[in-house]
Amino acid sequence: MTFRLGLTGSIGMGKSTAGRMFVDLGYPLWDADAAVHRLYAQGGAAVRPVGEAFPGAVSEGAIDRERLKSLLANDSKGLQKLERIVHPLVAADREEFVDAARHRGDQIVVLDIPLLFETGADAQMDGVAVVSTSAQLQRERVMAREGMTEQTFAMILSRQMPDDQKRARADWIIPSDNMQVARDAVRKICDEILERQDA
């Protein structure tokens, strides 16, 4: 059996870094953001339906994210409309990845989903790991990103479930203030999952 481990955490918590730690241990990682990039790229499954729903969003056969963003800014129902198109395509991409992992005989597949709880995707997981750090370190990391503003940071946080609620719903927590501590937590999670499967 392949264990579906949901990996999540708010912006700036170190989720991508934790994801790479699972890959370093030999476990396949599916990334929701990367899936959206594939779907939006030339030949991607989202190009035609998104282009039809948002005329002007397609440029050179791919979704132009900046154009789409400006179209969404002027449409109060736009984000819901976009999510209705994109979420099922992302879910299908994820299932393909899990099926491939299962066929290979991978014991754990890691599914990196930023809005895991917010979209209800946690219901399809066998367990959930939340990457977390202090609010101060989170803010420092996010504000160091190129082009980040206080306003954008606040807007992103408003769409995400608060960190304490995520931690309360998690099966495991990966503290990311220290890389070695995070690496130890990741290894411990994998060991526990493998022990369960052997039991």
C-alpha atoms as a PDB file:
ATOM      1  CA  MET A   1       0.000   0.000   0.000  1.00  0.00           C
ATOM      2  CA  THR A   2       1.180   3.511  -0.798  1.00  0.00           C
ATOM      3  CA  PHE A   3       0.689   5.962   2.093  1.00  0.00           C
ATOM      4  CA  ARG A   4      -0.615   9.349   0.931  1.00  0.00           C
ATOM      5  CA  LEU A   5       1.069  11.977   3.110  1.00  0.00           C
ATOM      6  CA  GLY A   6      -0.360  15.481   2.770  1.00  0.00           C
ATOM      7  CA  LEU A   7       2.280  18.163   3.322  1.00  0.00           C
ATOM      8  CA  THR A   8       1.091  21.681   4.051  1.00  0.00           C
ATOM      9  CA  GLY A   9       1.947  24.899   5.859  1.00  0.00           C
ATOM     10  CA  SER A  10       1.277  28.602   5.506  1.00  0.00           C
ATOM     11  CA  ILE A  11       3.425  30.901   3.360  1.00  0.00           C
ATOM     12  CA  GLY A  12       7.008  31.272   4.591  1.00  0.00           C
ATOM     13  CA  MET A  13       6.863  28.224   6.870  1.00  0.00           C
ATOM     14  CA  GLY A  14       9.454  26.250   4.897  1.00  0.00           C
ATOM     15  CA  LYS A  15       7.146  23.743   3.191  1.00  0.00           C
ATOM     16  CA  SER A  16       9.178  23.541  -0.042  1.00  0.00           C
ATOM     17  CA  THR A  17      12.358  22.902   1.939  1.00  0.00           C
ATOM     18  CA  ALA A  18      10.647  20.139   3.935  1.00  0.00           C
ATOM     19  CA  GLY A  19       9.350  18.661   0.672  1.00  0.00           C
ATOM     20  CA  ARG A  20      12.910  18.380  -0.665  1.00  0.00           C
ATOM     21  CA  MET A  21      13.887  16.523   2.530  1.00  0.00           C
ATOM     22  CA  PHE A  22      11.335  13.805   1.722  1.00  0.00           C
ATOM     23  CA  VAL A  23      12.730  13.609  -1.833  1.00  0.00           C
ATOM     24  CA  ASP A  24      16.257  13.264  -0.381  1.00  0.00           C
ATOM     25  CA  LEU A  25      15.001  10.185   1.502  1.00  0.00           C
ATOM     26  CA  GLY A  26      13.755   8.715  -1.777  1.00  0.00           C
ATOM     27  CA  TYR A  27      10.029   9.484  -1.635  1.00  0.00           C
ATOM     28  CA  PRO A  28       8.197  10.980  -4.641  1.00  0.00           C
ATOM     29  CA  LEU A  29       6.813  14.485  -4.160  1.00  0.00           C
ATOM     30  CA  TRP A  30       3.829  15.949  -6.004  1.00  0.00           C
ATOM     31  CA  ASP A  31       3.634  19.752  -5.869  1.00  0.00           C
ATOM     32  CA  ALA A  32       0.243  21.452  -6.348  1.00  0.00           C
ATOM     33  CA  ASP A  33       1.823  24.742  -7.485  1.00  0.00           C
ATOM     34  CA  ALA A  34       3.973  22.931 -10.071  1.00  0.00           C
ATOM     35  CA  ALA A  35       0.851  21.096 -11.293  1.00  0.00           C
ATOM     36  CA  VAL A  36      -0.915  24.431 -11.875  1.00  0.00           C
ATOM     37  CA  HIS A  37       2.128  25.671 -13.832  1.00  0.00           C
ATOM     38  CA  ARG A  38       1.928  22.548 -16.038  1.00  0.00           C
ATOM     39  CA  LEU A  39      -1.809  23.012 -16.574  1.00  0.00           C
ATOM     40  CA  TYR A  40      -1.306  26.692 -17.518  1.00  0.00           C
ATOM     41  CA  ALA A  41       1.622  26.021 -19.883  1.00  0.00           C
ATOM     42  CA  GLN A  42       1.358  25.456 -23.651  1.00  0.00           C
ATOM     43  CA  GLY A  43      -0.676  22.313 -24.248  1.00  0.00           C
ATOM     44  CA  GLY A  44      -1.833  22.277 -20.603  1.00  0.00           C
ATOM     45  CA  ALA A  45      -5.339  21.006 -19.856  1.00  0.00           C
ATOM     46  CA  ALA A  46      -6.419  24.318 -18.272  1.00  0.00           C
ATOM     47  CA  VAL A  47      -5.522  26.570 -21.215  1.00  0.00           C
ATOM     48  CA  ARG A  48      -8.700  26.111 -23.283  1.00  0.00           C
ATOM     49  CA  PRO A  49     -11.315  26.178 -20.457  1.00  0.00           C
ATOM     50  CA  VAL A  50      -9.645  29.103 -18.640  1.00  0.00           C
ATOM     51  CA  GLY A  51      -9.256  30.983 -21.937  1.00  0.00           C
ATOM     52  CA  GLU A  52     -12.967  30.503 -22.648  1.00  0.00           C
ATOM     53  CA  ALA A  53     -13.987  31.647 -19.162  1.00  0.00           C
ATOM     54  CA  PHE A  54     -11.568  34.597 -19.134  1.00  0.00           C
ATOM     55  CA  PRO A  55     -11.144  36.012 -22.671  1.00  0.00           C
ATOM     56  CA  GLY A  56      -7.716  37.622 -23.033  1.00  0.00           C
ATOM     57  CA  ALA A  57      -6.026  35.359 -20.470  1.00  0.00           C
ATOM     58  CA  VAL A  58      -4.254  33.246 -23.102  1.00  0.00           C
ATOM     59  CA  SER A  59      -1.077  34.435 -24.808  1.00  0.00           C
ATOM     60  CA  GLU A  60       1.004  32.311 -27.209  1.00  0.00           C
ATOM     61  CA  GLY A  61      -0.948  29.178 -26.316  1.00  0.00           C
ATOM     62  CA  ALA A  62      -0.440  29.448 -22.555  1.00  0.00           C
ATOM     63  CA  ILE A  63      -2.192  31.189 -19.667  1.00  0.00           C
ATOM     64  CA  ASP A  64      -0.600  34.590 -19.049  1.00  0.00           C
ATOM     65  CA  ARG A  65      -0.689  34.707 -15.241  1.00  0.00           C
ATOM     66  CA  GLU A  66      -0.339  38.506 -15.065  1.00  0.00           C
ATOM     67  CA  ARG A  67      -3.230  39.020 -17.479  1.00  0.00           C
ATOM     68  CA  LEU A  68      -5.322  36.474 -15.612  1.00  0.00           C
ATOM     69  CA  LYS A  69      -4.542  38.251 -12.323  1.00  0.00           C
ATOM     70  CA  SER A  70      -5.754  41.587 -13.701  1.00  0.00           C
ATOM     71  CA  LEU A  71      -8.914  39.960 -15.115  1.00  0.00           C
ATOM     72  CA  LEU A  72      -9.604  38.399 -11.695  1.00  0.00           C
ATOM     73  CA  ALA A  73      -9.095  41.780  -9.982  1.00  0.00           C
ATOM     74  CA  ASN A  74     -12.059  43.168 -11.932  1.00  0.00           C
ATOM     75  CA  ASP A  75     -14.382  40.199 -11.407  1.00  0.00           C
ATOM     76  CA  SER A  76     -15.799  39.565  -7.922  1.00  0.00           C
ATOM     77  CA  LYS A  77     -16.848  35.997  -8.830  1.00  0.00           C
ATOM     78  CA  GLY A  78     -13.708  35.365 -10.915  1.00  0.00           C
ATOM     79  CA  LEU A  79     -11.673  33.422  -8.365  1.00  0.00           C
ATOM     80  CA  GLN A  80     -14.552  31.008  -7.642  1.00  0.00           C
ATOM     81  CA  LYS A  81     -15.071  30.532 -11.380  1.00  0.00           C
ATOM     82  CA  LEU A  82     -11.351  29.849 -11.881  1.00  0.00           C
ATOM     83  CA  GLU A  83     -11.209  27.388  -8.967  1.00  0.00           C
ATOM     84  CA  ARG A  84     -14.186  25.439 -10.361  1.00  0.00           C
ATOM     85  CA  ILE A  85     -12.191  24.918 -13.564  1.00  0.00           C
ATOM     86  CA  VAL A  86      -8.724  24.363 -12.146  1.00  0.00           C
ATOM     87  CA  HIS A  87      -9.303  22.344  -8.928  1.00  0.00           C
ATOM     88  CA  PRO A  88     -10.674  19.219 -10.691  1.00  0.00           C
ATOM     89  CA  LEU A  89      -7.770  19.318 -13.188  1.00  0.00           C
ATOM     90  CA  VAL A  90      -5.251  19.604 -10.350  1.00  0.00           C
ATOM     91  CA  ALA A  91      -6.949  16.697  -8.519  1.00  0.00           C
ATOM     92  CA  ALA A  92      -6.758  14.541 -11.675  1.00  0.00           C
ATOM     93  CA  ASP A  93      -3.035  15.380 -12.058  1.00  0.00           C
ATOM     94  CA  ARG A  94      -2.489  14.381  -8.415  1.00  0.00           C
ATOM     95  CA  GLU A  95      -4.289  11.043  -8.857  1.00  0.00           C
ATOM     96  CA  GLU A  96      -2.163  10.206 -11.905  1.00  0.00           C
ATOM     97  CA  PHE A  97       0.965  10.858  -9.824  1.00  0.00           C
ATOM     98  CA  VAL A  98      -0.290   8.685  -6.931  1.00  0.00           C
ATOM     99  CA  ASP A  99      -1.224   5.856  -9.332  1.00  0.00           C
ATOM    100  CA  ALA A 100       2.277   5.933 -10.849  1.00  0.00           C
ATOM    101  CA  ALA A 101       3.818   5.799  -7.350  1.00  0.00           C
ATOM    102  CA  ARG A 102       1.572   2.874  -6.427  1.00  0.00           C
ATOM    103  CA  HIS A 103       2.569   0.957  -9.587  1.00  0.00           C
ATOM    104  CA  ARG A 104       6.249   1.511  -8.768  1.00  0.00           C
ATOM    105  CA  GLY A 105       5.654   0.148  -5.284  1.00  0.00           C
ATOM    106  CA  ASP A 106       6.564   3.390  -3.459  1.00  0.00           C
ATOM    107  CA  GLN A 107       5.608   3.037   0.208  1.00  0.00           C
ATOM    108  CA  ILE A 108       5.029   6.774   0.747  1.00  0.00           C
ATOM    109  CA  VAL A 109       3.958   9.481  -1.688  1.00  0.00           C
ATOM    110  CA  VAL A 110       4.197  13.103  -0.466  1.00  0.00           C
ATOM    111  CA  LEU A 111       1.544  15.544  -1.704  1.00  0.00           C
ATOM    112  CA  ASP A 112       2.546  19.196  -1.239  1.00  0.00           C
ATOM    113  CA  ILE A 113      -0.736  21.138  -1.128  1.00  0.00           C
ATOM    114  CA  PRO A 114      -0.611  24.735   0.210  1.00  0.00           C
ATOM    115  CA  LEU A 115      -4.404  24.968   0.764  1.00  0.00           C
ATOM    116  CA  LEU A 116      -4.815  21.350   1.920  1.00  0.00           C
ATOM    117  CA  PHE A 117      -7.291  22.003   4.749  1.00  0.00           C
ATOM    118  CA  GLU A 118      -8.897  25.006   3.045  1.00  0.00           C
ATOM    119  CA  THR A 119      -9.906  22.917   0.000  1.00  0.00           C
ATOM    120  CA  GLY A 120     -10.872  19.791   1.975  1.00  0.00           C
ATOM    121  CA  ALA A 121      -8.103  17.742   0.315  1.00  0.00           C
ATOM    122  CA  ASP A 122      -7.047  16.439   3.749  1.00  0.00           C
ATOM    123  CA  ALA A 123      -9.994  13.996   3.494  1.00  0.00           C
ATOM    124  CA  GLN A 124      -8.120  12.149   0.710  1.00  0.00           C
ATOM    125  CA  MET A 125      -4.888  11.779   2.721  1.00  0.00           C
ATOM    126  CA  ASP A 126      -3.787   8.928   4.991  1.00  0.00           C
ATOM    127  CA  GLY A 127      -1.995  11.455   7.206  1.00  0.00           C
ATOM    128  CA  VAL A 128      -1.023  15.134   7.261  1.00  0.00           C
ATOM    129  CA  ALA A 129       2.262  16.854   8.168  1.00  0.00           C
ATOM    130  CA  VAL A 130       2.226  20.607   8.821  1.00  0.00           C
ATOM    131  CA  VAL A 131       5.416  22.661   8.484  1.00  0.00           C
ATOM    132  CA  SER A 132       5.510  25.431  11.065  1.00  0.00           C
ATOM    133  CA  THR A 133       7.715  28.105  12.591  1.00  0.00           C
ATOM    134  CA  SER A 134       7.237  31.254  14.685  1.00  0.00           C
ATOM    135  CA  ALA A 135       5.153  34.122  13.277  1.00  0.00           C
ATOM    136  CA  GLN A 136       8.242  36.353  13.497  1.00  0.00           C
ATOM    137  CA  LEU A 137      10.446  34.033  11.412  1.00  0.00           C
ATOM    138  CA  GLN A 138       7.579  33.502   8.964  1.00  0.00           C
ATOM    139  CA  ARG A 139       7.236  37.269   8.463  1.00  0.00           C
ATOM    140  CA  GLU A 140      11.016  37.718   8.019  1.00  0.00           C
ATOM    141  CA  ARG A 141      11.152  34.986   5.369  1.00  0.00           C
ATOM    142  CA  VAL A 142       8.142  36.269   3.426  1.00  0.00           C
ATOM    143  CA  MET A 143       9.112  39.950   3.523  1.00  0.00           C
ATOM    144  CA  ALA A 144      12.588  39.025   2.187  1.00  0.00           C
ATOM    145  CA  ARG A 145      10.967  37.755  -1.037  1.00  0.00           C
ATOM    146  CA  GLU A 146      11.354  39.923  -4.090  1.00  0.00           C
ATOM    147  CA  GLY A 147       8.342  42.164  -4.729  1.00  0.00           C
ATOM    148  CA  MET A 148       6.565  41.201  -1.486  1.00  0.00           C
ATOM    149  CA  THR A 149       4.569  43.926   0.267  1.00  0.00           C
ATOM    150  CA  GLU A 150       2.770  44.019   3.619  1.00  0.00           C
ATOM    151  CA  GLN A 151      -0.517  44.259   1.701  1.00  0.00           C
ATOM    152  CA  THR A 152       0.194  41.138  -0.402  1.00  0.00           C
ATOM    153  CA  PHE A 153       1.366  39.214   2.676  1.00  0.00           C
ATOM    154  CA  ALA A 154      -1.835  40.143   4.546  1.00  0.00           C
ATOM    155  CA  MET A 155      -3.972  39.108   1.555  1.00  0.00           C
ATOM    156  CA  ILE A 156      -2.237  35.702   1.295  1.00  0.00           C
ATOM    157  CA  LEU A 157      -2.607  35.082   5.043  1.00  0.00           C
ATOM    158  CA  SER A 158      -6.327  35.954   4.856  1.00  0.00           C
ATOM    159  CA  ARG A 159      -6.828  33.056   2.411  1.00  0.00           C
ATOM    160  CA  GLN A 160      -4.945  30.578   4.590  1.00  0.00           C
ATOM    161  CA  MET A 161      -6.121  28.825   7.727  1.00  0.00           C
ATOM    162  CA  PRO A 162      -4.209  30.171  10.776  1.00  0.00           C
ATOM    163  CA  ASP A 163      -1.107  28.165  11.670  1.00  0.00           C
ATOM    164  CA  ASP A 164      -2.372  27.140  15.127  1.00  0.00           C
ATOM    165  CA  GLN A 165      -5.505  25.598  13.560  1.00  0.00           C
ATOM    166  CA  LYS A 166      -3.392  23.695  11.030  1.00  0.00           C
ATOM    167  CA  ARG A 167      -1.133  22.370  13.782  1.00  0.00           C
ATOM    168  CA  ALA A 168      -4.191  21.262  15.785  1.00  0.00           C
ATOM    169  CA  ARG A 169      -5.436  19.206  12.812  1.00  0.00           C
ATOM    170  CA  ALA A 170      -2.054  17.727  11.832  1.00  0.00           C
ATOM    171  CA  ASP A 171      -0.885  14.169  12.469  1.00  0.00           C
ATOM    172  CA  TRP A 172       2.707  15.439  12.509  1.00  0.00           C
ATOM    173  CA  ILE A 173       4.363  18.846  12.848  1.00  0.00           C
ATOM    174  CA  ILE A 174       7.686  19.670  11.184  1.00  0.00           C
ATOM    175  CA  PRO A 175       9.360  22.612  13.014  1.00  0.00           C
ATOM    176  CA  SER A 176      11.336  24.548  10.401  1.00  0.00           C
ATOM    177  CA  ASP A 177      13.245  27.118  12.484  1.00  0.00           C
ATOM    178  CA  ASN A 178      16.277  24.807  12.352  1.00  0.00           C
ATOM    179  CA  MET A 179      17.139  22.664   9.320  1.00  0.00           C
ATOM    180  CA  GLN A 180      18.548  19.746  11.323  1.00  0.00           C
ATOM    181  CA  VAL A 181      15.477  19.642  13.556  1.00  0.00           C
ATOM    182  CA  ALA A 182      13.267  19.680  10.435  1.00  0.00           C
ATOM    183  CA  ARG A 183      15.309  16.904   8.816  1.00  0.00           C
ATOM    184  CA  ASP A 184      15.032  14.762  11.972  1.00  0.00           C
ATOM    185  CA  ALA A 185      11.259  15.337  12.075  1.00  0.00           C
ATOM    186  CA  VAL A 186      10.892  14.304   8.416  1.00  0.00           C
ATOM    187  CA  ARG A 187      12.915  11.119   8.985  1.00  0.00           C
ATOM    188  CA  LYS A 188      10.845  10.298  12.100  1.00  0.00           C
ATOM    189  CA  ILE A 189       7.578  10.728  10.170  1.00  0.00           C
ATOM    190  CA  CYS A 190       8.759   8.334   7.449  1.00  0.00           C
ATOM    191  CA  ASP A 191       9.929   5.780  10.048  1.00  0.00           C
ATOM    192  CA  GLU A 192       6.537   5.912  11.814  1.00  0.00           C
ATOM    193  CA  ILE A 193       4.620   5.457   8.543  1.00  0.00           C
ATOM    194  CA  LEU A 194       6.786   2.470   7.537  1.00  0.00           C
ATOM    195  CA  GLU A 195       6.334   0.911  11.014  1.00  0.00           C
ATOM    196  CA  ARG A 196       2.540   1.231  10.650  1.00  0.00           C
ATOM    197  CA  GLN A 197       2.677  -0.458   7.252  1.00  0.00           C
ATOM    198  CA  ASP A 198       4.758  -3.317   8.622  1.00  0.00           C
ATOM    199  CA  ALA A 199       2.477  -3.783  11.642  1.00  0.00           C
END
